[in-house]
Protein backbone atom coordinates (compact mmCIF):
# COMPACT_ATOMS: atom_id res chain seq x y z
CA UNK A 1 20.43 -5.18 -2.07
CA UNK A 2 20.46 -1.91 -3.60
CA UNK A 3 16.85 -0.16 -3.18
CA UNK A 4 15.32 3.01 -4.13
CA UNK A 5 12.05 4.11 -2.61
CA UNK A 6 9.82 6.05 -4.33
CA UNK A 7 7.46 7.41 -1.71
CA UNK A 8 8.78 8.18 1.60
CA UNK A 9 5.79 8.39 3.38
CA UNK A 10 4.90 6.48 6.56
CA UNK A 11 4.83 2.73 4.50
CA UNK A 12 7.91 3.63 2.47
CA UNK A 13 9.90 5.35 5.28
CA UNK A 14 8.63 2.23 7.24
CA UNK A 15 10.22 -0.63 5.23
CA UNK A 16 13.27 1.16 3.70
CA UNK A 17 14.03 2.12 7.45
CA UNK A 18 13.81 -1.47 8.31
CA UNK A 19 15.90 -2.75 5.27
CA UNK A 20 18.57 -0.27 5.98
CA UNK A 21 18.71 -1.21 9.51
CA UNK A 22 19.19 -4.87 8.01
CA UNK A 23 22.38 -3.53 6.01
CA UNK A 24 20.75 -3.30 2.65
CA UNK A 25 21.44 0.16 0.76
CA UNK A 26 18.30 2.10 0.44
CA UNK A 27 17.85 5.50 -1.10
CA UNK A 28 14.80 7.73 -0.58
CA UNK A 29 13.77 9.78 -4.00
CA UNK A 30 11.48 12.36 -2.34
CA UNK A 31 10.09 15.59 -3.76
CA UNK A 32 11.53 19.04 -2.40
CA UNK A 33 9.34 19.61 0.76
CA UNK A 34 9.71 16.06 2.07
CA UNK A 35 13.37 16.17 1.19
CA UNK A 36 14.04 19.21 3.60
CA UNK A 37 12.08 17.69 6.19
CA UNK A 38 14.37 14.61 6.29
CA UNK A 39 17.53 16.61 6.00
CA UNK A 40 16.43 18.61 9.12
CA UNK A 41 14.92 15.62 10.94
CA UNK A 42 16.00 12.18 9.48
CA UNK A 43 13.96 9.63 9.52
CA UNK A 44 13.06 7.61 13.07
CA UNK A 45 10.64 4.82 13.52
CA UNK A 46 8.40 4.53 16.40
CA UNK A 47 7.45 0.91 16.48
CA UNK A 48 5.99 -1.73 18.91
CA UNK A 49 8.66 -3.80 17.49
CA UNK A 50 11.57 -1.20 18.46
CA UNK A 51 12.74 2.19 17.02
CA UNK A 52 15.21 2.94 14.69
CA UNK A 53 16.73 6.19 13.82
CA UNK A 54 18.27 7.20 10.66
CA UNK A 55 20.22 10.63 10.94
CA UNK A 56 21.65 10.94 7.29
CA UNK A 57 19.48 8.53 5.25
CA UNK A 58 20.31 8.84 1.55
CA UNK A 59 18.09 11.18 -0.11
CA UNK A 60 17.74 12.29 -3.81
CA UNK A 61 15.48 14.45 -5.83
CA UNK A 62 15.94 13.35 -9.34
CA UNK A 63 15.70 9.87 -10.63
CA UNK A 64 18.91 10.16 -12.54
CA UNK A 65 20.69 10.82 -9.51
CA UNK A 66 20.39 7.51 -8.61
CA UNK A 67 23.07 4.84 -9.33
CA UNK A 68 22.16 1.12 -10.36
CA UNK A 69 19.40 -0.46 -8.11
CA UNK A 70 18.13 -4.08 -7.73
CA UNK A 71 14.84 -2.74 -7.01
CA UNK A 72 12.32 0.26 -6.91
CA UNK A 73 9.93 0.18 -3.75
CA UNK A 74 6.91 2.14 -4.91
CA UNK A 75 4.90 3.28 -2.28
CA UNK A 76 2.61 6.40 -3.38
CA UNK A 77 -0.59 6.82 -3.16
CA UNK A 78 -2.58 5.92 -6.27
CA UNK A 79 -3.42 9.48 -7.37
CA UNK A 80 0.54 10.16 -7.61
CA UNK A 81 1.16 7.36 -9.85
CA UNK A 82 0.90 9.07 -13.14
CA UNK A 83 3.86 11.44 -11.77
CA UNK A 84 6.13 8.56 -11.18
CA UNK A 85 6.38 7.13 -14.62
CA UNK A 86 9.10 9.25 -16.00
CA UNK A 87 11.40 8.16 -12.55
CA UNK A 88 10.37 4.65 -12.86
CA UNK A 89 11.55 4.57 -16.86
CA UNK A 90 14.56 6.25 -15.61
CA UNK A 91 15.22 3.68 -12.92
CA UNK A 92 14.24 0.66 -15.01
CA UNK A 93 16.35 1.45 -17.80
CA UNK A 94 19.35 0.83 -15.70
CA UNK A 95 17.94 -2.60 -14.77
CA UNK A 96 15.90 -2.23 -11.64
CA UNK A 97 12.63 -4.17 -11.37
CA UNK A 98 9.57 -2.41 -9.51
CA UNK A 99 7.78 -3.49 -6.30
CA UNK A 100 4.63 -1.23 -5.99
CA UNK A 101 2.71 -1.52 -2.68
CA UNK A 102 -0.01 0.56 -3.90
CA UNK A 103 -3.78 -0.31 -2.83
CA UNK A 104 -6.26 -1.78 -5.43
CA UNK A 105 -5.22 -3.79 -8.61
CA UNK A 106 -5.60 -0.87 -11.42
CA UNK A 107 -1.90 0.28 -11.08
CA UNK A 108 -0.65 -3.62 -12.12
CA UNK A 109 -1.84 -3.30 -16.01
CA UNK A 110 -0.88 0.47 -15.96
CA UNK A 111 2.92 -0.24 -15.03
CA UNK A 112 3.17 -3.36 -17.06
CA UNK A 113 1.88 -1.17 -19.91
CA UNK A 114 4.23 1.75 -19.23
CA UNK A 115 7.46 -0.44 -18.18
CA UNK A 116 6.84 -4.11 -19.60
CA UNK A 117 5.61 -7.23 -17.96
CA UNK A 118 9.46 -8.60 -17.08
CA UNK A 119 9.80 -5.19 -14.95
CA UNK A 120 6.76 -5.20 -12.60
CA UNK A 121 6.48 -7.47 -9.62
CA UNK A 122 3.50 -7.93 -7.53
CA UNK A 123 3.41 -6.65 -3.93
CA UNK A 124 1.17 -5.08 -1.03
CA UNK A 125 1.62 -4.50 2.60
CA UNK A 126 -0.28 -4.45 5.87
CA UNK A 127 0.34 -1.61 8.09
CA UNK A 128 -1.11 0.91 10.21
CA UNK A 129 1.18 3.90 10.23
CA UNK A 130 1.20 7.78 9.81
CA UNK A 131 3.83 10.31 9.71
CA UNK A 132 4.08 13.25 13.11
CA UNK A 133 4.70 16.62 12.46
CA UNK A 134 8.74 15.73 12.37
CA UNK A 135 7.95 13.26 9.24
CA UNK A 136 8.67 10.56 11.76
CA UNK A 137 7.03 7.27 11.08
CA UNK A 138 4.60 6.17 13.93
CA UNK A 139 3.58 2.67 13.78
CA UNK A 140 0.60 2.10 15.90
CA UNK A 141 -0.19 -1.57 15.72
CA UNK A 142 1.96 -4.71 15.37
CA UNK A 143 0.99 -5.85 12.17
CA UNK A 144 4.04 -4.93 9.76
CA UNK A 145 3.66 -7.53 6.74
CA UNK A 146 4.88 -7.49 3.32
CA UNK A 147 3.84 -9.67 0.96
CA UNK A 148 5.17 -10.27 -2.64
CA UNK A 149 5.63 -12.31 -5.67
CA UNK A 150 7.07 -13.00 -9.28
CA UNK A 151 4.11 -11.72 -11.95
CA UNK A 152 6.70 -12.93 -14.71
CA UNK A 153 8.84 -16.22 -14.46
CA UNK A 154 11.94 -14.18 -15.27
CA UNK A 155 11.50 -12.39 -11.92
CA UNK A 156 11.92 -15.72 -9.79
CA UNK A 157 15.63 -14.77 -8.78
CA UNK A 158 15.26 -11.34 -7.52
CA UNK A 159 12.09 -12.28 -5.49
CA UNK A 160 14.11 -15.11 -3.72
CA UNK A 161 16.71 -12.71 -3.07
CA UNK A 162 14.14 -10.14 -1.77
CA UNK A 163 12.75 -13.00 0.31
CA UNK A 164 16.29 -13.27 2.12
CA UNK A 165 16.39 -9.33 2.53
CA UNK A 166 13.01 -9.79 4.14
CA UNK A 167 14.09 -12.33 6.45
CA UNK A 168 16.75 -10.15 7.70
CA UNK A 169 14.88 -7.17 8.33
CA UNK A 170 12.68 -6.21 11.45
CA UNK A 171 9.26 -7.00 9.51
CA UNK A 172 7.15 -9.94 8.39
CA UNK A 173 8.08 -10.44 4.82
CA UNK A 174 6.44 -13.37 2.46
CA UNK A 175 7.10 -14.59 -0.81
CA UNK A 176 3.79 -15.60 -2.32
CA UNK A 177 3.57 -17.97 -5.28
CA UNK A 178 -0.31 -16.55 -5.83
CA UNK A 179 0.08 -13.05 -5.79
CA UNK A 180 -2.47 -11.96 -7.68
CA UNK A 181 -4.77 -13.60 -5.60
CA UNK A 182 -3.21 -12.11 -2.70
CA UNK A 183 -3.90 -8.64 -4.01
CA UNK A 184 -7.14 -9.05 -4.67
CA UNK A 185 -7.51 -10.19 -1.18
CA UNK A 186 -5.95 -7.04 0.14
CA UNK A 187 -8.18 -4.98 -2.33
CA UNK A 188 -11.18 -6.73 -0.43
CA UNK A 189 -10.20 -6.14 3.12
CA UNK A 190 -8.65 -2.33 2.42
CA UNK A 191 -11.66 -1.41 0.57
CA UNK A 192 -14.14 -2.41 3.42
CA UNK A 193 -11.73 -1.36 6.12
CA UNK A 194 -11.00 2.28 4.52
CA UNK A 195 -14.67 2.91 3.30
CA UNK A 196 -16.12 2.41 6.49
CA UNK A 197 -13.95 4.07 8.88
CA UNK A 198 -13.79 7.03 6.11
CA UNK A 199 -17.15 7.36 5.56
CA UNK A 200 -18.16 7.70 9.01
CA UNK A 201 -15.01 9.60 10.08
CA UNK A 202 -14.28 6.97 13.22
CA UNK A 203 -11.80 4.52 14.03
CA UNK A 204 -12.95 0.83 13.78
CA UNK A 205 -13.79 0.38 17.45
CA UNK A 206 -16.80 3.13 17.33
CA UNK A 207 -17.71 1.54 14.18
CA UNK A 208 -18.28 -1.94 15.97
CA UNK A 209 -20.47 -0.30 18.66
CA UNK A 210 -23.26 -0.02 16.16
CA UNK A 211 -24.19 -3.22 14.20
CA UNK A 212 -26.39 -1.07 11.75
CA UNK A 213 -23.16 0.14 10.69
CA UNK A 214 -20.57 -2.49 11.17
CA UNK A 215 -22.47 -4.77 8.80
CA UNK A 216 -21.77 -2.69 5.70
CA UNK A 217 -18.48 -3.55 5.82
CA UNK A 218 -19.34 -7.23 5.70
CA UNK A 219 -21.65 -6.23 2.68
CA UNK A 220 -18.67 -4.65 0.81
CA UNK A 221 -16.52 -7.58 1.36
CA UNK A 222 -19.00 -9.60 0.18
CA UNK A 223 -19.47 -7.41 -3.26
CA UNK A 224 -15.38 -7.45 -3.68
CA UNK A 225 -15.55 -11.10 -3.56
CA UNK A 226 -18.01 -11.15 -6.29
CA UNK A 227 -16.07 -8.80 -8.33
CA UNK A 228 -12.80 -10.92 -8.03
CA UNK A 229 -14.98 -13.74 -9.22
CA UNK A 230 -15.89 -11.82 -12.16
CA UNK A 231 -12.54 -11.27 -13.14
CA UNK A 232 -11.24 -14.63 -12.81
CA UNK A 233 -10.15 -14.41 -9.06
CA UNK A 234 -11.23 -17.31 -7.03
CA UNK A 235 -12.21 -15.71 -3.87
CA UNK A 236 -14.64 -17.33 -1.39
CA UNK A 237 -16.91 -16.95 1.51
CA UNK A 238 -13.84 -18.26 3.95
CA UNK A 239 -11.99 -15.15 2.42
CA UNK A 240 -14.80 -13.07 3.62
CA UNK A 241 -14.86 -14.71 6.75
CA UNK A 242 -10.97 -14.16 7.54
CA UNK A 243 -11.28 -10.29 6.14
CA UNK A 244 -14.09 -9.88 8.64
CA UNK A 245 -12.48 -11.53 11.41
CA UNK A 246 -8.92 -9.53 10.64
CA UNK A 247 -11.27 -6.00 10.91
CA UNK A 248 -12.87 -7.55 13.85
CA UNK A 249 -9.70 -8.09 15.72
CA UNK A 250 -8.31 -4.88 15.31
CA UNK A 251 -7.57 -2.65 18.35
CA UNK A 252 -10.27 -0.28 19.12
CA UNK A 253 -8.71 2.97 18.21
CA UNK A 254 -7.49 1.39 14.83
CA UNK A 255 -8.30 3.43 11.35
CA UNK A 256 -7.36 2.99 7.97
CA UNK A 257 -5.18 5.45 6.21
CA UNK A 258 -7.53 6.84 4.21
CA UNK A 259 -9.43 7.87 7.01
CA UNK A 260 -6.05 9.11 8.57
CA UNK A 261 -5.98 11.54 5.64
CA UNK A 262 -9.28 12.71 5.85
CA UNK A 263 -8.57 13.55 9.60
CA UNK A 264 -5.48 15.91 8.25
CA UNK A 265 -7.39 17.29 5.50
CA UNK A 266 -5.12 15.56 2.66
CA UNK A 267 -6.42 13.95 -0.67
CA UNK A 268 -8.23 10.86 -0.37
CA UNK A 269 -7.34 7.59 -2.62
CA UNK A 270 -11.21 7.00 -2.58
CA UNK A 271 -10.94 7.42 -6.77
CA UNK A 272 -8.19 4.51 -6.79
CA UNK A 273 -9.76 2.13 -4.15
CA UNK A 274 -13.71 2.29 -4.53
CA UNK A 275 -13.72 4.28 -7.97
CA UNK A 276 -11.53 1.77 -9.19
CA UNK A 277 -13.98 -1.33 -7.92
CA UNK A 278 -16.63 0.78 -9.77
CA UNK A 279 -14.89 0.68 -12.73
CA UNK A 280 -13.97 -2.60 -12.88
CA UNK A 281 -17.42 -3.81 -11.57
CA UNK A 282 -18.89 -1.75 -15.11
CA UNK A 283 -16.10 -3.63 -17.16
CA UNK A 284 -18.55 -6.86 -16.30
CA UNK A 285 -21.75 -5.19 -15.84
CA UNK A 286 -21.70 -6.03 -12.15
CA UNK A 287 -23.20 -3.77 -9.97
CA UNK A 288 -22.10 -2.71 -6.51
CA UNK A 289 -24.55 -0.96 -4.59
CA UNK A 290 -22.76 -0.50 -1.08
CA UNK A 291 -19.39 0.17 -2.66
CA UNK A 292 -21.43 2.86 -4.95
CA UNK A 293 -22.91 4.16 -1.75
CA UNK A 294 -19.26 4.62 0.26
CA UNK A 295 -18.08 6.09 -2.96
CA UNK A 296 -20.61 8.67 -3.08
CA UNK A 297 -20.74 9.65 0.87
CA UNK A 298 -16.60 10.07 0.95
CA UNK A 299 -16.32 11.64 -2.66
CA UNK A 300 -16.98 15.18 -1.21
CA UNK A 301 -13.92 14.99 0.99
CA UNK A 302 -11.65 13.47 -1.86
CA UNK A 303 -9.40 17.05 -2.40
CA UNK A 304 -10.44 18.21 1.18
């Protein structure tokens, strides 16, 4: 496949690198600062599943430099989404479909409105990774999952092709027949995990040592289930149990990307995640007191 990655952070560089490792044609569309870093250092993946080095990855600075592509892998932070729209319009005008793996769910209707419903595929990822000072990917847990699925019947042939590309690559790819439910399950999990670790500024192992604090993560999961139900998604208590079990099974030092960004003094996705949940709750007159509290605690650090 011909794939353009927009957002060559830890997530985009990891999955883009794994696709290239499997023989697919990958181009990274990046801003100037990241472009210079990649030109100087290449992209290297450090992972429990094996390292991989791209000495001369294909990079472009403008969307119109790209040739025809099958897929745009959109892996930016939520607050960068508006700045990608014109690039996405340029790339989709050449026939590419867009696979966004942003956290949350608000970006899906936004992209569908801007690009057309037939253009936007549903997707999400599970990976704990960050960039080191050289801009290389440090993948610190064994999970490296990519889940995707058609949101329009016209996309089935492409998602089947993407499924084959993922089978060839060194990560766990899965084609879902109910990608909206998968998106909400991920949203439920990440709102709790990122919220509690970022709010208390601790990895999950330290949070688990304090039951008075740890139970808040489960309360957030419960609120997210109610929110999903209010928007027509059938999440159940079993989904809460599964998400909490996943949090419980993480290594002690595991933490969320939002907490990693807080540690680095970077902009946080709190408005896209927790703020988004509150907006979706307000739309159906649903109160979310635990999420509202976590949102208020994190908000002062949003643009640190």
